[in-house]
Amino acid sequence: MKMNRLLLSCTLAVMTAGCQNTSPSRSSSGPNPHGLVSQGGAGLNRDALDKRAPVPLLPRMAAHQRENMRDHLAAVQEIVAALSTGDFATVEKSAARIGYSEAMGQMCAHMGAGAPGFNELALNFHHTADTITPAAKSRDRGATLKAVAATLQTCVGCHAVYRQQIVDEETWKAITTRTSSTSTRP
């Protein structure tokens, strides 16, 4: 029964957190003074309707980030499925895909370069995911589920605060230059 509730909670969290159209398409409704790539048609500005903080990304970066997040979700699904059968070796293997690494840390910093606070939440996700492996190694299903739940909570929390914002190259450079110069001040 608890496993079914966890699976339902995971599914609902993913459905509500990931429902946005981020396909890059230019609007023909006039000039674009902020370098934004429209995310809607017929003049609908979805960015104005979504009050979450933007994470400005070039289209290729946004696609890469979505691909990584889908893989993170697949890893969590594998973990939950493996837990349901007591397959702790698979839990450990899948958890390793979402845990922290230097490469992952650098990617998070790059993706979040234009969004103050994003990198900290992204790294928190990976560090929280690192708690799954020791729980799985101890073969403690309850502790492993608790670690998975905490990891999913970081996903939902980040998606509640941030959204992708597709920008052009010039805007990306301006935002990240401005953000990096303000973050290095004493």
N, C-alpha and C. Protein backbone atom coordinates (compact mmCIF):
# COMPACT_ATOMS: atom_id res chain seq x y z
N MET A 1 0.83 -1.19 0.00
CA MET A 1 0.00 0.00 0.00
C MET A 1 0.88 1.26 0.00
N LYS A 2 1.93 1.28 0.86
CA LYS A 2 2.82 2.43 0.89
C LYS A 2 3.53 2.60 -0.45
N MET A 3 3.91 1.48 -1.08
CA MET A 3 4.59 1.54 -2.37
C MET A 3 3.67 2.14 -3.42
N ASN A 4 2.38 1.75 -3.41
CA ASN A 4 1.43 2.31 -4.37
C ASN A 4 1.27 3.81 -4.18
N ARG A 5 1.22 4.27 -2.92
CA ARG A 5 1.10 5.71 -2.66
C ARG A 5 2.34 6.44 -3.13
N LEU A 6 3.53 5.85 -2.95
CA LEU A 6 4.76 6.47 -3.41
C LEU A 6 4.77 6.58 -4.93
N LEU A 7 4.37 5.51 -5.61
CA LEU A 7 4.34 5.54 -7.07
C LEU A 7 3.35 6.59 -7.56
N LEU A 8 2.18 6.68 -6.93
CA LEU A 8 1.19 7.69 -7.30
C LEU A 8 1.73 9.08 -7.06
N SER A 9 2.37 9.29 -5.91
CA SER A 9 2.95 10.60 -5.60
C SER A 9 4.02 10.98 -6.61
N CYS A 10 4.88 10.02 -6.97
CA CYS A 10 5.93 10.28 -7.96
C CYS A 10 5.32 10.67 -9.29
N THR A 11 4.32 9.92 -9.72
CA THR A 11 3.69 10.19 -11.00
C THR A 11 3.04 11.56 -11.02
N LEU A 12 2.30 11.89 -9.97
CA LEU A 12 1.64 13.20 -9.91
C LEU A 12 2.65 14.33 -9.87
N ALA A 13 3.75 14.16 -9.14
CA ALA A 13 4.77 15.21 -9.06
C ALA A 13 5.39 15.46 -10.42
N VAL A 14 5.67 14.40 -11.14
CA VAL A 14 6.28 14.54 -12.46
C VAL A 14 5.29 15.19 -13.43
N MET A 15 4.04 14.78 -13.36
CA MET A 15 3.05 15.32 -14.27
C MET A 15 2.85 16.82 -14.06
N THR A 16 2.83 17.26 -12.81
CA THR A 16 2.60 18.68 -12.55
C THR A 16 3.86 19.50 -12.72
N ALA A 17 5.02 18.94 -12.47
CA ALA A 17 6.26 19.72 -12.56
C ALA A 17 6.75 19.88 -13.99
N GLY A 18 6.47 18.94 -14.85
CA GLY A 18 7.07 18.97 -16.17
C GLY A 18 6.16 19.41 -17.30
N CYS A 19 5.00 19.95 -16.99
CA CYS A 19 4.04 20.30 -18.03
C CYS A 19 4.25 21.71 -18.54
N GLN A 20 5.17 21.85 -19.44
CA GLN A 20 5.34 23.14 -20.09
C GLN A 20 5.93 22.93 -21.46
N ASN A 21 5.55 23.79 -22.38
CA ASN A 21 6.06 23.73 -23.75
C ASN A 21 7.28 24.62 -23.82
N THR A 22 8.42 24.03 -24.11
CA THR A 22 9.64 24.83 -24.21
C THR A 22 10.24 24.73 -25.60
N SER A 23 9.40 24.41 -26.59
CA SER A 23 9.94 24.31 -27.94
C SER A 23 10.25 25.69 -28.49
N PRO A 24 11.43 25.87 -29.06
CA PRO A 24 11.81 27.19 -29.54
C PRO A 24 11.09 27.51 -30.85
N SER A 25 10.34 28.60 -30.85
CA SER A 25 9.72 29.09 -32.07
C SER A 25 9.58 30.59 -31.94
N ARG A 26 9.83 31.29 -32.99
CA ARG A 26 9.75 32.75 -32.94
C ARG A 26 8.32 33.19 -33.19
N SER A 27 7.88 34.15 -32.44
CA SER A 27 6.57 34.74 -32.62
C SER A 27 6.65 35.81 -33.70
N SER A 28 5.62 35.92 -34.50
CA SER A 28 5.61 36.94 -35.53
C SER A 28 4.83 38.16 -35.07
N SER A 29 4.64 38.31 -33.77
CA SER A 29 3.81 39.38 -33.25
C SER A 29 4.58 40.66 -32.96
N GLY A 30 5.73 40.84 -33.56
CA GLY A 30 6.43 42.11 -33.38
C GLY A 30 7.84 41.94 -32.89
N PRO A 31 8.48 43.05 -32.53
CA PRO A 31 9.88 43.01 -32.11
C PRO A 31 10.06 42.23 -30.82
N ASN A 32 11.29 41.83 -30.60
CA ASN A 32 11.61 41.01 -29.45
C ASN A 32 12.74 41.70 -28.68
N PRO A 33 12.43 42.74 -27.88
CA PRO A 33 13.48 43.54 -27.27
C PRO A 33 14.31 42.82 -26.23
N HIS A 34 13.85 41.71 -25.70
CA HIS A 34 14.59 41.01 -24.64
C HIS A 34 15.29 39.76 -25.13
N GLY A 35 15.25 39.51 -26.43
CA GLY A 35 15.94 38.35 -26.98
C GLY A 35 15.28 37.03 -26.65
N LEU A 36 14.02 37.05 -26.21
CA LEU A 36 13.34 35.82 -25.85
C LEU A 36 12.85 35.11 -27.09
N VAL A 37 12.88 33.80 -27.06
CA VAL A 37 12.31 33.00 -28.11
C VAL A 37 10.92 32.63 -27.62
N SER A 38 9.91 32.97 -28.38
CA SER A 38 8.52 32.75 -27.96
C SER A 38 8.26 31.30 -27.64
N GLN A 39 7.45 31.07 -26.62
CA GLN A 39 7.09 29.70 -26.25
C GLN A 39 5.61 29.46 -26.46
N GLY A 40 4.99 30.20 -27.30
CA GLY A 40 3.57 30.01 -27.57
C GLY A 40 3.25 30.52 -28.95
N GLY A 41 2.04 30.33 -29.36
CA GLY A 41 1.61 30.81 -30.65
C GLY A 41 0.57 31.90 -30.47
N ALA A 42 0.21 32.52 -31.55
CA ALA A 42 -0.85 33.52 -31.60
C ALA A 42 -0.67 34.62 -30.56
N GLY A 43 0.58 35.00 -30.30
CA GLY A 43 0.83 36.12 -29.39
C GLY A 43 0.71 35.77 -27.92
N LEU A 44 0.45 34.52 -27.56
CA LEU A 44 0.34 34.13 -26.16
C LEU A 44 1.71 34.12 -25.53
N ASN A 45 1.89 34.88 -24.48
CA ASN A 45 3.18 34.93 -23.79
C ASN A 45 3.09 34.06 -22.54
N ARG A 46 3.46 32.82 -22.69
CA ARG A 46 3.38 31.89 -21.56
C ARG A 46 4.34 32.28 -20.44
N ASP A 47 5.45 32.93 -20.79
CA ASP A 47 6.40 33.36 -19.77
C ASP A 47 5.73 34.32 -18.79
N ALA A 48 4.85 35.18 -19.28
CA ALA A 48 4.17 36.14 -18.41
C ALA A 48 3.18 35.44 -17.49
N LEU A 49 2.65 34.32 -17.91
CA LEU A 49 1.68 33.58 -17.10
C LEU A 49 2.35 32.69 -16.05
N ASP A 50 3.57 32.33 -16.28
CA ASP A 50 4.30 31.44 -15.38
C ASP A 50 5.18 32.28 -14.47
N LYS A 51 4.84 32.36 -13.20
CA LYS A 51 5.52 33.25 -12.26
C LYS A 51 6.82 32.68 -11.68
N ARG A 52 7.21 31.47 -12.10
CA ARG A 52 8.47 30.92 -11.61
C ARG A 52 9.64 31.70 -12.18
N ALA A 53 10.76 31.65 -11.50
CA ALA A 53 11.96 32.35 -11.94
C ALA A 53 12.50 31.68 -13.20
N PRO A 54 12.90 32.48 -14.17
CA PRO A 54 13.42 31.90 -15.40
C PRO A 54 14.86 31.41 -15.25
N VAL A 55 15.16 30.33 -15.93
CA VAL A 55 16.52 29.84 -16.12
C VAL A 55 16.80 30.07 -17.59
N PRO A 56 17.48 31.18 -17.93
CA PRO A 56 17.72 31.46 -19.34
C PRO A 56 18.70 30.44 -19.93
N LEU A 57 18.30 29.89 -21.07
CA LEU A 57 19.09 28.87 -21.74
C LEU A 57 18.99 29.04 -23.25
N LEU A 58 20.08 28.73 -23.92
CA LEU A 58 20.05 28.65 -25.37
C LEU A 58 19.22 27.43 -25.74
N PRO A 59 18.61 27.39 -26.91
CA PRO A 59 17.78 26.23 -27.27
C PRO A 59 18.49 24.89 -27.11
N ARG A 60 19.75 24.79 -27.53
CA ARG A 60 20.46 23.50 -27.41
C ARG A 60 20.71 23.13 -25.95
N MET A 61 20.93 24.15 -25.10
CA MET A 61 21.12 23.89 -23.67
C MET A 61 19.82 23.41 -23.03
N ALA A 62 18.71 24.04 -23.42
CA ALA A 62 17.41 23.65 -22.88
C ALA A 62 17.08 22.21 -23.26
N ALA A 63 17.36 21.84 -24.50
CA ALA A 63 17.11 20.47 -24.94
C ALA A 63 17.98 19.49 -24.16
N HIS A 64 19.24 19.85 -23.94
CA HIS A 64 20.15 19.00 -23.17
C HIS A 64 19.67 18.86 -21.73
N GLN A 65 19.24 19.97 -21.14
CA GLN A 65 18.75 19.92 -19.76
C GLN A 65 17.50 19.04 -19.65
N ARG A 66 16.57 19.18 -20.59
CA ARG A 66 15.36 18.34 -20.57
C ARG A 66 15.72 16.87 -20.72
N GLU A 67 16.69 16.57 -21.58
CA GLU A 67 17.14 15.19 -21.76
C GLU A 67 17.70 14.64 -20.44
N ASN A 68 18.51 15.45 -19.75
CA ASN A 68 19.07 15.02 -18.47
C ASN A 68 17.97 14.81 -17.43
N MET A 69 17.01 15.71 -17.39
CA MET A 69 15.92 15.57 -16.40
C MET A 69 15.08 14.34 -16.69
N ARG A 70 14.85 14.04 -17.97
CA ARG A 70 14.11 12.82 -18.30
C ARG A 70 14.90 11.59 -17.86
N ASP A 71 16.23 11.63 -18.01
CA ASP A 71 17.04 10.50 -17.55
C ASP A 71 17.01 10.40 -16.02
N HIS A 72 17.01 11.54 -15.34
CA HIS A 72 16.89 11.53 -13.87
C HIS A 72 15.57 10.85 -13.48
N LEU A 73 14.50 11.22 -14.18
CA LEU A 73 13.19 10.64 -13.89
C LEU A 73 13.19 9.14 -14.18
N ALA A 74 13.81 8.74 -15.27
CA ALA A 74 13.89 7.31 -15.59
C ALA A 74 14.67 6.56 -14.51
N ALA A 75 15.73 7.18 -14.00
CA ALA A 75 16.51 6.54 -12.93
C ALA A 75 15.66 6.38 -11.67
N VAL A 76 14.87 7.40 -11.33
CA VAL A 76 14.00 7.30 -10.15
C VAL A 76 12.96 6.20 -10.37
N GLN A 77 12.41 6.12 -11.57
CA GLN A 77 11.45 5.06 -11.87
C GLN A 77 12.10 3.69 -11.71
N GLU A 78 13.32 3.54 -12.19
CA GLU A 78 14.04 2.27 -12.05
C GLU A 78 14.27 1.94 -10.58
N ILE A 79 14.59 2.97 -9.79
CA ILE A 79 14.82 2.77 -8.35
C ILE A 79 13.54 2.27 -7.68
N VAL A 80 12.42 2.93 -7.97
CA VAL A 80 11.15 2.54 -7.35
C VAL A 80 10.76 1.12 -7.77
N ALA A 81 10.91 0.82 -9.06
CA ALA A 81 10.58 -0.53 -9.53
C ALA A 81 11.48 -1.57 -8.88
N ALA A 82 12.76 -1.27 -8.77
CA ALA A 82 13.70 -2.22 -8.15
C ALA A 82 13.40 -2.40 -6.67
N LEU A 83 13.02 -1.31 -6.01
CA LEU A 83 12.66 -1.42 -4.59
C LEU A 83 11.44 -2.31 -4.39
N SER A 84 10.52 -2.26 -5.33
CA SER A 84 9.30 -3.06 -5.19
C SER A 84 9.59 -4.55 -5.23
N THR A 85 10.74 -4.94 -5.81
CA THR A 85 11.11 -6.36 -5.86
C THR A 85 12.29 -6.69 -4.96
N GLY A 86 12.78 -5.69 -4.23
CA GLY A 86 13.92 -5.93 -3.34
C GLY A 86 15.24 -6.04 -4.07
N ASP A 87 15.33 -5.51 -5.28
CA ASP A 87 16.54 -5.56 -6.09
C ASP A 87 17.44 -4.35 -5.76
N PHE A 88 18.14 -4.44 -4.66
CA PHE A 88 18.94 -3.32 -4.18
C PHE A 88 20.16 -3.03 -5.06
N ALA A 89 20.64 -4.03 -5.79
CA ALA A 89 21.77 -3.80 -6.71
C ALA A 89 21.36 -2.83 -7.82
N THR A 90 20.16 -3.01 -8.34
CA THR A 90 19.66 -2.09 -9.37
C THR A 90 19.39 -0.72 -8.79
N VAL A 91 18.92 -0.67 -7.55
CA VAL A 91 18.71 0.62 -6.89
C VAL A 91 20.04 1.38 -6.85
N GLU A 92 21.10 0.71 -6.42
CA GLU A 92 22.41 1.35 -6.34
C GLU A 92 22.89 1.82 -7.71
N LYS A 93 22.73 0.98 -8.71
CA LYS A 93 23.18 1.31 -10.06
C LYS A 93 22.42 2.53 -10.60
N SER A 94 21.13 2.55 -10.43
CA SER A 94 20.32 3.67 -10.94
C SER A 94 20.57 4.94 -10.13
N ALA A 95 20.76 4.81 -8.83
CA ALA A 95 21.02 5.97 -7.99
C ALA A 95 22.35 6.63 -8.37
N ALA A 96 23.29 5.84 -8.82
CA ALA A 96 24.59 6.39 -9.22
C ALA A 96 24.44 7.36 -10.39
N ARG A 97 23.43 7.14 -11.25
CA ARG A 97 23.21 8.03 -12.40
C ARG A 97 22.77 9.43 -11.99
N ILE A 98 22.15 9.56 -10.82
CA ILE A 98 21.63 10.87 -10.42
C ILE A 98 22.40 11.48 -9.26
N GLY A 99 23.40 10.77 -8.77
CA GLY A 99 24.22 11.29 -7.69
C GLY A 99 25.18 12.37 -8.17
N TYR A 100 25.86 12.98 -7.24
CA TYR A 100 26.78 14.07 -7.55
C TYR A 100 28.08 13.54 -8.16
N SER A 101 28.57 14.29 -9.13
CA SER A 101 29.91 14.08 -9.68
C SER A 101 30.43 15.46 -10.05
N GLU A 102 31.73 15.58 -10.23
CA GLU A 102 32.31 16.87 -10.64
C GLU A 102 31.73 17.32 -11.98
N ALA A 103 31.60 16.39 -12.91
CA ALA A 103 31.04 16.73 -14.22
C ALA A 103 29.61 17.24 -14.09
N MET A 104 28.82 16.58 -13.24
CA MET A 104 27.45 17.00 -13.03
C MET A 104 27.42 18.39 -12.38
N GLY A 105 28.30 18.63 -11.44
CA GLY A 105 28.38 19.93 -10.79
C GLY A 105 28.72 21.04 -11.77
N GLN A 106 29.65 20.76 -12.68
CA GLN A 106 30.02 21.76 -13.69
C GLN A 106 28.86 22.02 -14.64
N MET A 107 28.14 20.96 -15.01
CA MET A 107 27.00 21.13 -15.90
C MET A 107 25.90 21.96 -15.24
N CYS A 108 25.63 21.69 -13.98
CA CYS A 108 24.61 22.46 -13.25
C CYS A 108 25.00 23.94 -13.18
N ALA A 109 26.27 24.20 -12.91
CA ALA A 109 26.75 25.59 -12.83
C ALA A 109 26.60 26.28 -14.18
N HIS A 110 26.91 25.57 -15.25
CA HIS A 110 26.80 26.16 -16.59
C HIS A 110 25.34 26.42 -16.94
N MET A 111 24.48 25.46 -16.71
CA MET A 111 23.06 25.60 -17.04
C MET A 111 22.41 26.70 -16.21
N GLY A 112 22.83 26.85 -14.98
CA GLY A 112 22.22 27.84 -14.10
C GLY A 112 22.95 29.15 -14.03
N ALA A 113 23.89 29.38 -14.94
CA ALA A 113 24.73 30.59 -14.88
C ALA A 113 23.92 31.88 -14.93
N GLY A 114 22.74 31.85 -15.52
CA GLY A 114 21.94 33.07 -15.62
C GLY A 114 20.80 33.13 -14.63
N ALA A 115 20.75 32.21 -13.68
CA ALA A 115 19.63 32.16 -12.74
C ALA A 115 20.16 32.03 -11.31
N PRO A 116 20.27 33.15 -10.61
CA PRO A 116 20.76 33.08 -9.23
C PRO A 116 19.98 32.08 -8.37
N GLY A 117 20.70 31.23 -7.67
CA GLY A 117 20.10 30.24 -6.79
C GLY A 117 19.82 28.90 -7.43
N PHE A 118 19.79 28.85 -8.76
CA PHE A 118 19.47 27.59 -9.44
C PHE A 118 20.53 26.52 -9.18
N ASN A 119 21.79 26.90 -9.29
CA ASN A 119 22.87 25.94 -9.11
C ASN A 119 22.81 25.28 -7.74
N GLU A 120 22.51 26.05 -6.71
CA GLU A 120 22.43 25.50 -5.35
C GLU A 120 21.33 24.44 -5.26
N LEU A 121 20.17 24.72 -5.86
CA LEU A 121 19.08 23.73 -5.82
C LEU A 121 19.43 22.50 -6.65
N ALA A 122 20.06 22.72 -7.80
CA ALA A 122 20.45 21.59 -8.65
C ALA A 122 21.45 20.69 -7.92
N LEU A 123 22.45 21.31 -7.30
CA LEU A 123 23.44 20.51 -6.56
C LEU A 123 22.80 19.81 -5.36
N ASN A 124 21.85 20.47 -4.71
CA ASN A 124 21.14 19.85 -3.60
C ASN A 124 20.43 18.58 -4.06
N PHE A 125 19.85 18.61 -5.25
CA PHE A 125 19.22 17.41 -5.80
C PHE A 125 20.23 16.27 -5.87
N HIS A 126 21.38 16.53 -6.48
CA HIS A 126 22.37 15.46 -6.67
C HIS A 126 22.94 14.96 -5.34
N HIS A 127 23.17 15.87 -4.41
CA HIS A 127 23.68 15.45 -3.09
C HIS A 127 22.61 14.68 -2.32
N THR A 128 21.36 15.07 -2.45
CA THR A 128 20.29 14.33 -1.79
C THR A 128 20.16 12.94 -2.42
N ALA A 129 20.31 12.86 -3.74
CA ALA A 129 20.27 11.55 -4.41
C ALA A 129 21.39 10.64 -3.92
N ASP A 130 22.50 11.24 -3.50
CA ASP A 130 23.61 10.44 -2.96
C ASP A 130 23.22 9.67 -1.70
N THR A 131 22.15 10.07 -1.02
CA THR A 131 21.73 9.36 0.19
C THR A 131 21.02 8.04 -0.12
N ILE A 132 20.63 7.85 -1.38
CA ILE A 132 19.93 6.61 -1.76
C ILE A 132 20.87 5.41 -1.70
N THR A 133 22.08 5.57 -2.20
CA THR A 133 23.01 4.45 -2.29
C THR A 133 23.36 3.83 -0.94
N PRO A 134 23.75 4.62 0.08
CA PRO A 134 24.06 3.97 1.36
C PRO A 134 22.85 3.27 1.98
N ALA A 135 21.67 3.82 1.79
CA ALA A 135 20.47 3.15 2.31
C ALA A 135 20.25 1.84 1.58
N ALA A 136 20.46 1.84 0.26
CA ALA A 136 20.30 0.61 -0.52
C ALA A 136 21.37 -0.42 -0.15
N LYS A 137 22.60 0.05 0.08
CA LYS A 137 23.68 -0.87 0.48
C LYS A 137 23.35 -1.59 1.79
N SER A 138 22.63 -0.89 2.66
CA SER A 138 22.26 -1.50 3.95
C SER A 138 21.02 -2.38 3.82
N ARG A 139 20.45 -2.43 2.61
CA ARG A 139 19.26 -3.24 2.33
C ARG A 139 18.08 -2.83 3.21
N ASP A 140 18.03 -1.57 3.55
CA ASP A 140 16.95 -1.02 4.37
C ASP A 140 15.94 -0.35 3.45
N ARG A 141 14.86 -1.05 3.17
CA ARG A 141 13.85 -0.56 2.24
C ARG A 141 13.24 0.76 2.72
N GLY A 142 12.95 0.86 4.01
CA GLY A 142 12.36 2.09 4.55
C GLY A 142 13.28 3.29 4.40
N ALA A 143 14.55 3.10 4.74
CA ALA A 143 15.52 4.20 4.62
C ALA A 143 15.73 4.57 3.15
N THR A 144 15.70 3.55 2.29
CA THR A 144 15.88 3.82 0.86
C THR A 144 14.69 4.61 0.33
N LEU A 145 13.49 4.22 0.70
CA LEU A 145 12.30 4.97 0.28
C LEU A 145 12.32 6.40 0.81
N LYS A 146 12.78 6.56 2.03
CA LYS A 146 12.87 7.90 2.61
C LYS A 146 13.87 8.75 1.81
N ALA A 147 14.99 8.17 1.40
CA ALA A 147 15.98 8.89 0.59
C ALA A 147 15.42 9.22 -0.79
N VAL A 148 14.66 8.30 -1.38
CA VAL A 148 14.04 8.56 -2.67
C VAL A 148 13.01 9.69 -2.53
N ALA A 149 12.22 9.64 -1.48
CA ALA A 149 11.21 10.68 -1.25
C ALA A 149 11.86 12.05 -1.08
N ALA A 150 12.96 12.11 -0.34
CA ALA A 150 13.68 13.38 -0.16
C ALA A 150 14.23 13.87 -1.49
N THR A 151 14.72 12.95 -2.30
CA THR A 151 15.25 13.31 -3.62
C THR A 151 14.13 13.87 -4.49
N LEU A 152 12.99 13.20 -4.51
CA LEU A 152 11.86 13.68 -5.29
C LEU A 152 11.36 15.03 -4.78
N GLN A 153 11.44 15.23 -3.49
CA GLN A 153 11.04 16.52 -2.92
C GLN A 153 11.92 17.65 -3.48
N THR A 154 13.21 17.38 -3.67
CA THR A 154 14.08 18.41 -4.25
C THR A 154 13.70 18.68 -5.70
N CYS A 155 13.27 17.66 -6.43
CA CYS A 155 12.80 17.85 -7.81
C CYS A 155 11.59 18.77 -7.84
N VAL A 156 10.61 18.41 -7.07
CA VAL A 156 9.37 19.18 -7.04
C VAL A 156 9.64 20.61 -6.58
N GLY A 157 10.49 20.77 -5.58
CA GLY A 157 10.82 22.10 -5.08
C GLY A 157 11.49 22.96 -6.12
N CYS A 158 12.41 22.39 -6.86
CA CYS A 158 13.11 23.16 -7.90
C CYS A 158 12.16 23.52 -9.03
N HIS A 159 11.34 22.57 -9.47
CA HIS A 159 10.39 22.85 -10.55
C HIS A 159 9.33 23.85 -10.11
N ALA A 160 9.07 23.95 -8.83
CA ALA A 160 8.11 24.94 -8.34
C ALA A 160 8.70 26.35 -8.38
N VAL A 161 10.01 26.47 -8.35
CA VAL A 161 10.68 27.77 -8.30
C VAL A 161 11.18 28.21 -9.67
N TYR A 162 11.67 27.29 -10.49
CA TYR A 162 12.33 27.64 -11.75
C TYR A 162 11.63 27.03 -12.96
N ARG A 163 11.80 27.71 -14.10
CA ARG A 163 11.33 27.23 -15.39
C ARG A 163 12.38 27.60 -16.45
N GLN A 164 12.40 26.86 -17.52
CA GLN A 164 13.30 27.20 -18.62
C GLN A 164 12.79 28.44 -19.34
N GLN A 165 13.72 29.25 -19.78
CA GLN A 165 13.41 30.40 -20.63
C GLN A 165 14.41 30.37 -21.79
N ILE A 166 13.92 30.13 -22.97
CA ILE A 166 14.77 30.03 -24.14
C ILE A 166 15.14 31.45 -24.59
N VAL A 167 16.44 31.69 -24.72
CA VAL A 167 16.94 33.00 -25.15
C VAL A 167 17.91 32.83 -26.31
N ASP A 168 18.19 33.93 -26.99
CA ASP A 168 19.14 33.88 -28.08
C ASP A 168 20.57 34.05 -27.53
N GLU A 169 21.54 33.86 -28.40
CA GLU A 169 22.96 33.88 -28.01
C GLU A 169 23.36 35.22 -27.37
N GLU A 170 22.94 36.31 -27.98
CA GLU A 170 23.30 37.63 -27.47
C GLU A 170 22.74 37.85 -26.05
N THR A 171 21.51 37.46 -25.85
CA THR A 171 20.88 37.61 -24.53
C THR A 171 21.56 36.71 -23.51
N TRP A 172 21.88 35.48 -23.90
CA TRP A 172 22.56 34.53 -23.00
C TRP A 172 23.88 35.12 -22.51
N LYS A 173 24.66 35.65 -23.44
CA LYS A 173 25.95 36.24 -23.08
C LYS A 173 25.77 37.43 -22.14
N ALA A 174 24.79 38.28 -22.43
CA ALA A 174 24.56 39.46 -21.59
C ALA A 174 24.12 39.06 -20.18
N ILE A 175 23.21 38.09 -20.09
CA ILE A 175 22.71 37.66 -18.78
C ILE A 175 23.80 36.99 -17.97
N THR A 176 24.53 36.07 -18.58
CA THR A 176 25.54 35.33 -17.83
C THR A 176 26.74 36.20 -17.47
N THR A 177 27.06 37.18 -18.30
CA THR A 177 28.13 38.11 -17.96
C THR A 177 27.71 38.96 -16.77
N ARG A 178 26.48 39.45 -16.82
CA ARG A 178 25.95 40.28 -15.73
C ARG A 178 25.85 39.47 -14.43
N THR A 179 25.34 38.24 -14.52
CA THR A 179 25.18 37.38 -13.34
C THR A 179 26.53 37.01 -12.74
N SER A 180 27.52 36.67 -13.58
CA SER A 180 28.82 36.26 -13.03
C SER A 180 29.55 37.45 -12.42
N SER A 181 29.36 38.65 -12.96
CA SER A 181 30.05 39.81 -12.38
C SER A 181 29.44 40.22 -11.05
N THR A 182 28.14 40.01 -10.86
CA THR A 182 27.52 40.34 -9.57
C THR A 182 27.78 39.28 -8.53
N SER A 183 28.02 38.03 -8.97
CA SER A 183 28.24 36.96 -7.99
C SER A 183 29.71 36.94 -7.51
N THR A 184 30.60 37.65 -8.17
CA THR A 184 31.99 37.64 -7.75
C THR A 184 32.35 38.86 -6.91
N ARG A 185 31.39 39.73 -6.69
CA ARG A 185 31.67 40.90 -5.84
C ARG A 185 31.76 40.48 -4.38
N PRO A 186 32.65 41.19 -3.61
CA PRO A 186 32.78 40.83 -2.19
C PRO A 186 31.59 41.24 -1.37
